[in-house]
Amino acid sequence: MRVIFAGTPEFARVALEKLHCAGFDIALVLTQPDRPAGRGMKLHASAVKQWAESHQISVAQPRSLRLDGKYPEDAVAARAAIEDARADVMVVAAYGLILPQWVLDMPRLGCLNIHGSVLPRWRGAAPIHRAIEAGDQETGVTIMQMNAGLDTGDMLLLEMLPIGAHDSTETLHDQLAELGGQMIVKALESAASGGLHAVPQPAEGISYAHKIDKREAALDWTQPVATLERRVRAFNPFPIACSALNGETIKFWRAAVLPDVRPPSSAIAGQVLAASAEGVDIATADGVLRITRLQKAGGKPLEAADFLRGFEIQPGQRFSSAPPIAAA
């Protein structure tokens, strides 16, 4: 079976590698254009592009696939490459471009999407972040037959995965990427023998995982402690939860709810109650959040004991609920 693969980040790279290892003929890879990154803002290729080029697989990087859009020359070139690939199916995973109808109709078996949630819950761009942030107990991967809607296509395969109490977006991402890679191999093997059966998504339980905005990283200490702890996990490794202390933004990589502990009645939300090698304890609306891994501007993430050796935090100081966005 000849496959076109469309994807950009590490989540997609895992699936591409598994398809290749399973023996599928990857005729073409579509991925986002190289982007500036790092302190030097040098152009960096996507994880998918790097893997594809290392395996001598043809790569196209259109800025758009819309023939009537802003970059019609990119779309025309991409259409020619897709036609030349003569693929049976296109596999899509975290690609980052909307597929117009001509793309959806091109392969014989259409376009299959690897989506990191149990649809129809968390349609959209950030299903892993939003599942953790909302306190979901489980998530999963849906292999979907794509249509013109936003993650509205029929379901072909579905597998569930529990969300652990300490899972962050980083750890859950890796589990879902591995599961998604296994499932798309299974889906294409079934498709080759006519064994895939589409099921419409349920009409109930629809929710949308809106794209993560860096401004969401600022913690609001008047929220419940459980909400704040989930946000720390949801925003690791991006955009990283943060708060300001004496005008300097501190990022929080890991936190824990102190069980059955309430702040003193005199404490103000965001106030530091204790700072020790075990962590920095901060008052919230209904409890105490212990920050155990922190990072200051220009520094590296450090365990609390190491962080406090180079950055003094005293009880009574107060973290602001609105750190400077530029510093966050």
Protein backbone atom coordinates (compact mmCIF):
# COMPACT_ATOMS: atom_id res chain seq x y z
CA MET A 1 0.00 0.00 0.00
CA ARG A 2 1.35 3.42 -1.01
CA VAL A 3 0.99 6.09 1.67
CA ILE A 4 1.27 9.87 1.77
CA PHE A 5 2.04 11.03 5.31
CA ALA A 6 1.17 14.52 6.55
CA GLY A 7 2.45 15.58 9.96
CA THR A 8 4.84 17.91 11.73
CA PRO A 9 5.82 17.33 15.40
CA GLU A 10 7.17 14.38 17.36
CA PHE A 11 3.67 12.91 17.81
CA ALA A 12 3.50 12.49 14.03
CA ARG A 13 7.09 11.31 13.66
CA VAL A 14 6.39 8.28 15.86
CA ALA A 15 3.54 7.21 13.59
CA LEU A 16 5.59 7.77 10.44
CA GLU A 17 8.39 5.61 11.77
CA LYS A 18 6.00 2.80 12.70
CA LEU A 19 4.39 2.83 9.27
CA HIS A 20 7.82 2.62 7.66
CA CYS A 21 8.92 -0.22 9.95
CA ALA A 22 5.69 -2.10 9.17
CA GLY A 23 6.64 -2.12 5.49
CA PHE A 24 4.28 0.48 4.05
CA ASP A 25 5.56 2.37 1.02
CA ILE A 26 5.83 6.03 2.09
CA ALA A 27 5.62 7.78 -1.27
CA LEU A 28 5.57 11.39 0.00
CA VAL A 29 5.72 13.32 3.26
CA LEU A 30 3.96 16.65 3.79
CA THR A 31 5.09 18.79 6.72
CA GLN A 32 5.08 22.41 7.84
CA PRO A 33 7.75 24.81 6.50
CA ASP A 34 10.91 25.19 8.58
CA ARG A 35 10.38 27.62 11.49
CA PRO A 36 12.77 29.88 13.42
CA ALA A 37 13.43 28.56 16.92
CA GLY A 38 15.88 28.88 19.79
CA ARG A 39 17.76 31.92 21.01
CA GLY A 40 19.37 32.45 17.62
CA MET A 41 15.99 32.06 15.87
CA LYS A 42 17.58 29.86 13.22
CA LEU A 43 15.36 27.86 10.90
CA HIS A 44 14.63 24.37 12.21
CA ALA A 45 13.08 21.48 10.32
CA SER A 46 10.17 19.61 11.86
CA ALA A 47 10.67 16.25 13.53
CA VAL A 48 8.83 14.63 10.63
CA LYS A 49 11.01 16.30 7.99
CA GLN A 50 14.22 15.32 9.76
CA TRP A 51 13.13 11.69 9.96
CA ALA A 52 11.89 11.56 6.37
CA GLU A 53 15.05 13.07 4.92
CA SER A 54 17.21 10.69 6.94
CA HIS A 55 15.34 7.85 5.20
CA GLN A 56 15.51 9.39 1.71
CA ILE A 57 11.76 10.00 1.54
CA SER A 58 10.50 12.88 -0.61
CA VAL A 59 9.29 15.88 1.43
CA ALA A 60 6.98 18.77 0.45
CA GLN A 61 6.44 21.82 2.70
CA PRO A 62 3.58 23.91 1.29
CA ARG A 63 2.51 26.97 3.24
CA SER A 64 -1.06 26.25 2.19
CA LEU A 65 -3.05 23.62 0.31
CA ARG A 66 -5.80 26.00 -0.76
CA LEU A 67 -5.73 26.60 -4.51
CA ASP A 68 -7.66 29.84 -3.96
CA GLY A 69 -5.72 30.88 -0.86
CA LYS A 70 -2.78 33.14 -0.01
CA TYR A 71 -0.12 30.83 -1.47
CA PRO A 72 -1.70 29.28 -4.59
CA GLU A 73 1.72 28.45 -6.04
CA ASP A 74 2.43 26.23 -3.00
CA ALA A 75 -0.92 24.49 -3.39
CA VAL A 76 -0.39 23.88 -7.10
CA ALA A 77 3.05 22.36 -6.47
CA ALA A 78 1.68 20.23 -3.62
CA ARG A 79 -1.17 18.99 -5.80
CA ALA A 80 1.30 17.89 -8.47
CA ALA A 81 3.41 16.07 -5.86
CA ILE A 82 0.34 14.34 -4.40
CA GLU A 83 -0.86 13.26 -7.83
CA ASP A 84 2.59 11.94 -8.72
CA ALA A 85 2.68 9.91 -5.49
CA ARG A 86 -0.30 7.80 -6.67
CA ALA A 87 -1.04 6.92 -3.06
CA ASP A 88 -3.78 4.63 -1.83
CA VAL A 89 -4.25 6.61 1.39
CA MET A 90 -3.07 9.72 3.20
CA VAL A 91 -2.30 9.46 6.91
CA VAL A 92 -2.54 12.74 8.84
CA ALA A 93 -1.19 13.38 12.36
CA ALA A 94 -0.83 16.86 13.87
CA TYR A 95 -0.08 18.34 10.45
CA GLY A 96 -1.15 21.92 11.14
CA LEU A 97 -2.82 22.71 7.79
CA ILE A 98 -6.49 22.35 6.90
CA LEU A 99 -7.01 19.82 4.10
CA PRO A 100 -9.30 21.13 1.35
CA GLN A 101 -11.75 18.81 -0.33
CA TRP A 102 -9.49 18.08 -3.30
CA VAL A 103 -6.90 16.59 -0.91
CA LEU A 104 -9.52 14.55 0.96
CA ASP A 105 -10.76 13.11 -2.34
CA MET A 106 -7.38 12.37 -3.93
CA PRO A 107 -6.30 9.02 -2.39
CA ARG A 108 -8.33 5.91 -3.17
CA LEU A 109 -9.00 5.26 0.54
CA GLY A 110 -9.23 8.92 1.50
CA CYS A 111 -7.39 10.54 4.43
CA LEU A 112 -7.09 8.93 7.86
CA ASN A 113 -6.34 11.04 10.93
CA ILE A 114 -4.64 10.00 14.18
CA HIS A 115 -6.33 12.07 16.87
CA GLY A 116 -5.17 12.10 20.50
CA SER A 117 -8.53 11.91 22.24
CA VAL A 118 -11.69 9.84 22.47
CA LEU A 119 -13.85 11.66 19.94
CA PRO A 120 -16.09 13.58 20.00
CA ARG A 121 -14.52 14.83 23.25
CA TRP A 122 -11.67 17.26 22.62
CA ARG A 123 -11.92 17.89 18.94
CA GLY A 124 -9.35 20.46 17.90
CA ALA A 125 -5.73 21.47 18.33
CA ALA A 126 -4.80 20.66 21.95
CA PRO A 127 -6.64 17.52 23.11
CA ILE A 128 -3.87 16.28 25.43
CA HIS A 129 -3.48 19.58 27.28
CA ARG A 130 -7.22 20.06 27.67
CA ALA A 131 -7.90 16.53 28.92
CA ILE A 132 -5.39 16.96 31.76
CA GLU A 133 -6.52 20.50 32.52
CA ALA A 134 -10.15 19.36 32.78
CA GLY A 135 -9.29 16.51 35.15
CA ASP A 136 -10.34 13.71 32.78
CA GLN A 137 -9.60 10.24 34.12
CA GLU A 138 -9.01 8.72 30.72
CA THR A 139 -8.29 9.63 27.13
CA GLY A 140 -7.22 7.64 24.08
CA VAL A 141 -6.61 7.68 20.34
CA THR A 142 -9.19 7.78 17.58
CA ILE A 143 -8.36 6.81 14.00
CA MET A 144 -10.82 8.84 11.95
CA GLN A 145 -11.88 9.02 8.32
CA MET A 146 -11.37 12.70 7.61
CA ASN A 147 -14.06 14.96 6.16
CA ALA A 148 -14.28 18.72 5.70
CA GLY A 149 -15.28 19.36 9.32
CA LEU A 150 -13.05 19.91 12.36
CA ASP A 151 -12.42 16.35 13.60
CA THR A 152 -15.99 15.38 12.73
CA GLY A 153 -15.32 12.35 10.52
CA ASP A 154 -16.42 8.78 11.15
CA MET A 155 -14.41 6.70 13.63
CA LEU A 156 -12.49 3.68 12.35
CA LEU A 157 -10.59 2.57 15.46
CA LEU A 158 -10.69 3.68 19.09
CA GLU A 159 -8.55 2.72 22.06
CA MET A 160 -8.67 4.11 25.61
CA LEU A 161 -5.79 5.10 27.87
CA PRO A 162 -5.98 6.06 31.56
CA ILE A 163 -4.59 9.42 32.64
CA GLY A 164 -2.36 8.93 35.68
CA ALA A 165 -2.46 11.24 38.68
CA HIS A 166 1.03 12.51 37.87
CA ASP A 167 0.78 12.56 34.07
CA SER A 168 1.83 15.78 32.35
CA THR A 169 1.19 16.67 28.75
CA GLU A 170 4.74 15.52 28.05
CA THR A 171 4.32 12.03 29.54
CA LEU A 172 0.79 11.53 28.19
CA HIS A 173 1.88 12.74 24.76
CA ASP A 174 4.53 10.03 24.57
CA GLN A 175 2.06 7.32 25.54
CA LEU A 176 -0.54 8.51 23.02
CA ALA A 177 2.05 8.87 20.26
CA GLU A 178 3.11 5.26 20.77
CA LEU A 179 -0.51 4.08 20.86
CA GLY A 180 -1.40 6.13 17.78
CA GLY A 181 1.50 4.67 15.83
CA GLN A 182 0.43 1.14 16.67
CA MET A 183 -3.18 1.86 15.79
CA ILE A 184 -2.54 3.42 12.38
CA VAL A 185 -0.50 0.37 11.36
CA LYS A 186 -3.41 -1.82 12.46
CA ALA A 187 -5.87 0.41 10.59
CA LEU A 188 -3.97 0.27 7.29
CA GLU A 189 -3.48 -3.47 7.57
CA SER A 190 -7.25 -3.83 8.06
CA ALA A 191 -7.95 -1.43 5.20
CA ALA A 192 -5.82 -3.52 2.87
CA SER A 193 -8.16 -6.46 3.41
CA GLY A 194 -11.37 -4.44 3.53
CA GLY A 195 -11.74 -4.93 7.25
CA LEU A 196 -12.19 -1.31 8.37
CA HIS A 197 -15.70 -0.28 9.40
CA ALA A 198 -16.65 3.37 9.90
CA VAL A 199 -18.87 4.42 12.80
CA PRO A 200 -20.34 7.94 13.08
CA GLN A 201 -19.22 9.94 16.09
CA PRO A 202 -21.77 10.21 18.92
CA ALA A 203 -23.90 13.35 18.85
CA GLU A 204 -23.46 13.75 22.61
CA GLY A 205 -20.34 14.76 24.52
CA ILE A 206 -18.79 17.10 21.95
CA SER A 207 -16.10 19.45 23.27
CA TYR A 208 -13.35 21.51 21.68
CA ALA A 209 -9.68 21.61 22.62
CA HIS A 210 -8.78 25.15 21.68
CA LYS A 211 -5.17 25.96 20.82
CA ILE A 212 -2.96 26.76 23.80
CA ASP A 213 -2.20 30.46 24.27
CA LYS A 214 0.94 31.49 26.15
CA ARG A 215 -1.17 33.87 28.22
CA GLU A 216 -2.90 30.88 29.80
CA ALA A 217 0.35 30.02 31.59
CA ALA A 218 -0.19 32.67 34.26
CA LEU A 219 -1.71 30.98 37.32
CA ASP A 220 -4.67 32.56 39.10
CA TRP A 221 -4.11 31.79 42.77
CA THR A 222 -7.76 32.44 43.62
CA GLN A 223 -8.63 29.19 41.83
CA PRO A 224 -8.97 25.85 43.68
CA VAL A 225 -5.71 24.05 44.41
CA ALA A 226 -6.68 20.97 42.36
CA THR A 227 -7.31 23.17 39.31
CA LEU A 228 -3.91 24.82 39.64
CA GLU A 229 -2.10 21.49 40.02
CA ARG A 230 -3.75 20.19 36.86
CA ARG A 231 -2.76 23.34 34.97
CA VAL A 232 0.87 22.84 35.96
CA ARG A 233 0.76 19.33 34.52
CA ALA A 234 -1.25 20.38 31.45
CA PHE A 235 1.18 23.16 30.54
CA ASN A 236 4.33 21.01 30.85
CA PRO A 237 6.29 21.17 28.51
CA PHE A 238 4.47 24.14 26.91
CA PRO A 239 3.81 26.92 27.71
CA ILE A 240 4.85 26.15 31.35
CA ALA A 241 2.72 27.49 34.20
CA CYS A 242 4.17 30.62 35.75
CA SER A 243 3.71 33.45 38.22
CA ALA A 244 5.59 36.63 39.14
CA LEU A 245 7.46 37.26 42.39
CA ASN A 246 8.89 40.72 42.96
CA GLY A 247 8.55 41.46 39.26
CA GLU A 248 10.38 38.35 38.08
CA THR A 249 8.54 35.54 36.35
CA ILE A 250 9.06 32.06 37.80
CA LYS A 251 8.04 28.99 35.83
CA PHE A 252 6.57 25.96 37.58
CA TRP A 253 7.43 22.58 36.05
CA ARG A 254 6.04 20.32 38.76
CA ALA A 255 3.66 20.72 41.68
CA ALA A 256 1.65 18.74 44.19
CA VAL A 257 -1.44 19.36 46.27
CA LEU A 258 -0.73 19.12 49.98
CA PRO A 259 -3.52 16.77 51.09
CA ASP A 260 -5.89 17.92 53.83
CA VAL A 261 -3.97 21.17 54.33
CA ARG A 262 -5.71 24.53 54.24
CA PRO A 263 -3.95 27.88 54.32
CA PRO A 264 -4.31 30.03 57.46
CA SER A 265 -7.36 32.27 57.44
CA SER A 266 -5.04 35.28 57.30
CA ALA A 267 -3.25 34.05 54.15
CA ILE A 268 -3.82 35.76 50.82
CA ALA A 269 -4.08 33.78 47.60
CA GLY A 270 -0.59 33.52 46.12
CA GLN A 271 1.17 34.02 49.44
CA VAL A 272 4.23 31.91 50.20
CA LEU A 273 3.64 29.85 53.34
CA ALA A 274 6.94 27.98 53.39
CA ALA A 275 10.03 27.51 51.24
CA SER A 276 12.30 24.53 51.86
CA ALA A 277 14.14 21.75 50.06
CA GLU A 278 10.80 19.95 49.77
CA GLY A 279 9.21 22.77 47.80
CA VAL A 280 7.62 26.19 47.84
CA ASP A 281 4.19 26.10 49.50
CA ILE A 282 1.73 28.67 48.14
CA ALA A 283 -1.78 29.51 49.38
CA THR A 284 -4.66 29.06 46.95
CA ALA A 285 -8.43 29.51 47.22
CA ASP A 286 -8.98 26.32 49.17
CA GLY A 287 -5.63 24.64 49.79
CA VAL A 288 -1.87 24.71 49.48
CA LEU A 289 0.08 24.00 46.28
CA ARG A 290 3.67 22.83 46.71
CA ILE A 291 5.94 23.72 43.80
CA THR A 292 8.76 21.19 43.58
CA ARG A 293 10.51 22.13 40.30
CA LEU A 294 11.04 25.76 39.31
CA GLN A 295 12.84 27.90 36.74
CA LYS A 296 13.82 31.57 36.74
CA ALA A 297 14.28 33.68 33.62
CA GLY A 298 17.45 32.66 31.81
CA GLY A 299 17.98 29.65 34.05
CA LYS A 300 17.34 25.93 33.89
CA PRO A 301 14.50 24.00 35.55
CA LEU A 302 15.72 22.94 39.01
CA GLU A 303 14.46 20.93 41.94
CA ALA A 304 13.29 23.19 44.76
CA ALA A 305 16.38 22.63 46.93
CA ASP A 306 18.74 23.66 44.12
CA PHE A 307 16.54 26.53 42.98
CA LEU A 308 16.38 28.10 46.46
CA ARG A 309 20.16 28.13 46.75
CA GLY A 310 20.29 30.70 43.97
CA PHE A 311 16.93 32.43 44.35
CA GLU A 312 15.67 33.45 47.77
CA ILE A 313 11.99 32.99 48.52
CA GLN A 314 10.67 33.90 51.96
CA PRO A 315 7.37 33.11 53.70
CA GLY A 316 5.03 36.06 53.46
CA GLN A 317 6.03 37.00 49.94
CA ARG A 318 3.25 36.87 47.40
CA PHE A 319 3.15 35.52 43.86
CA SER A 320 1.14 37.66 41.49
CA SER A 321 -1.70 36.16 39.46
CA ALA A 322 -0.62 38.18 36.43
CA PRO A 323 3.07 37.90 35.56
CA PRO A 324 4.45 39.95 32.69
CA ILE A 325 3.40 38.13 29.52
CA ALA A 326 6.58 38.95 27.64
CA ALA A 327 8.65 37.28 30.35
CA ALA A 328 6.39 34.23 30.54
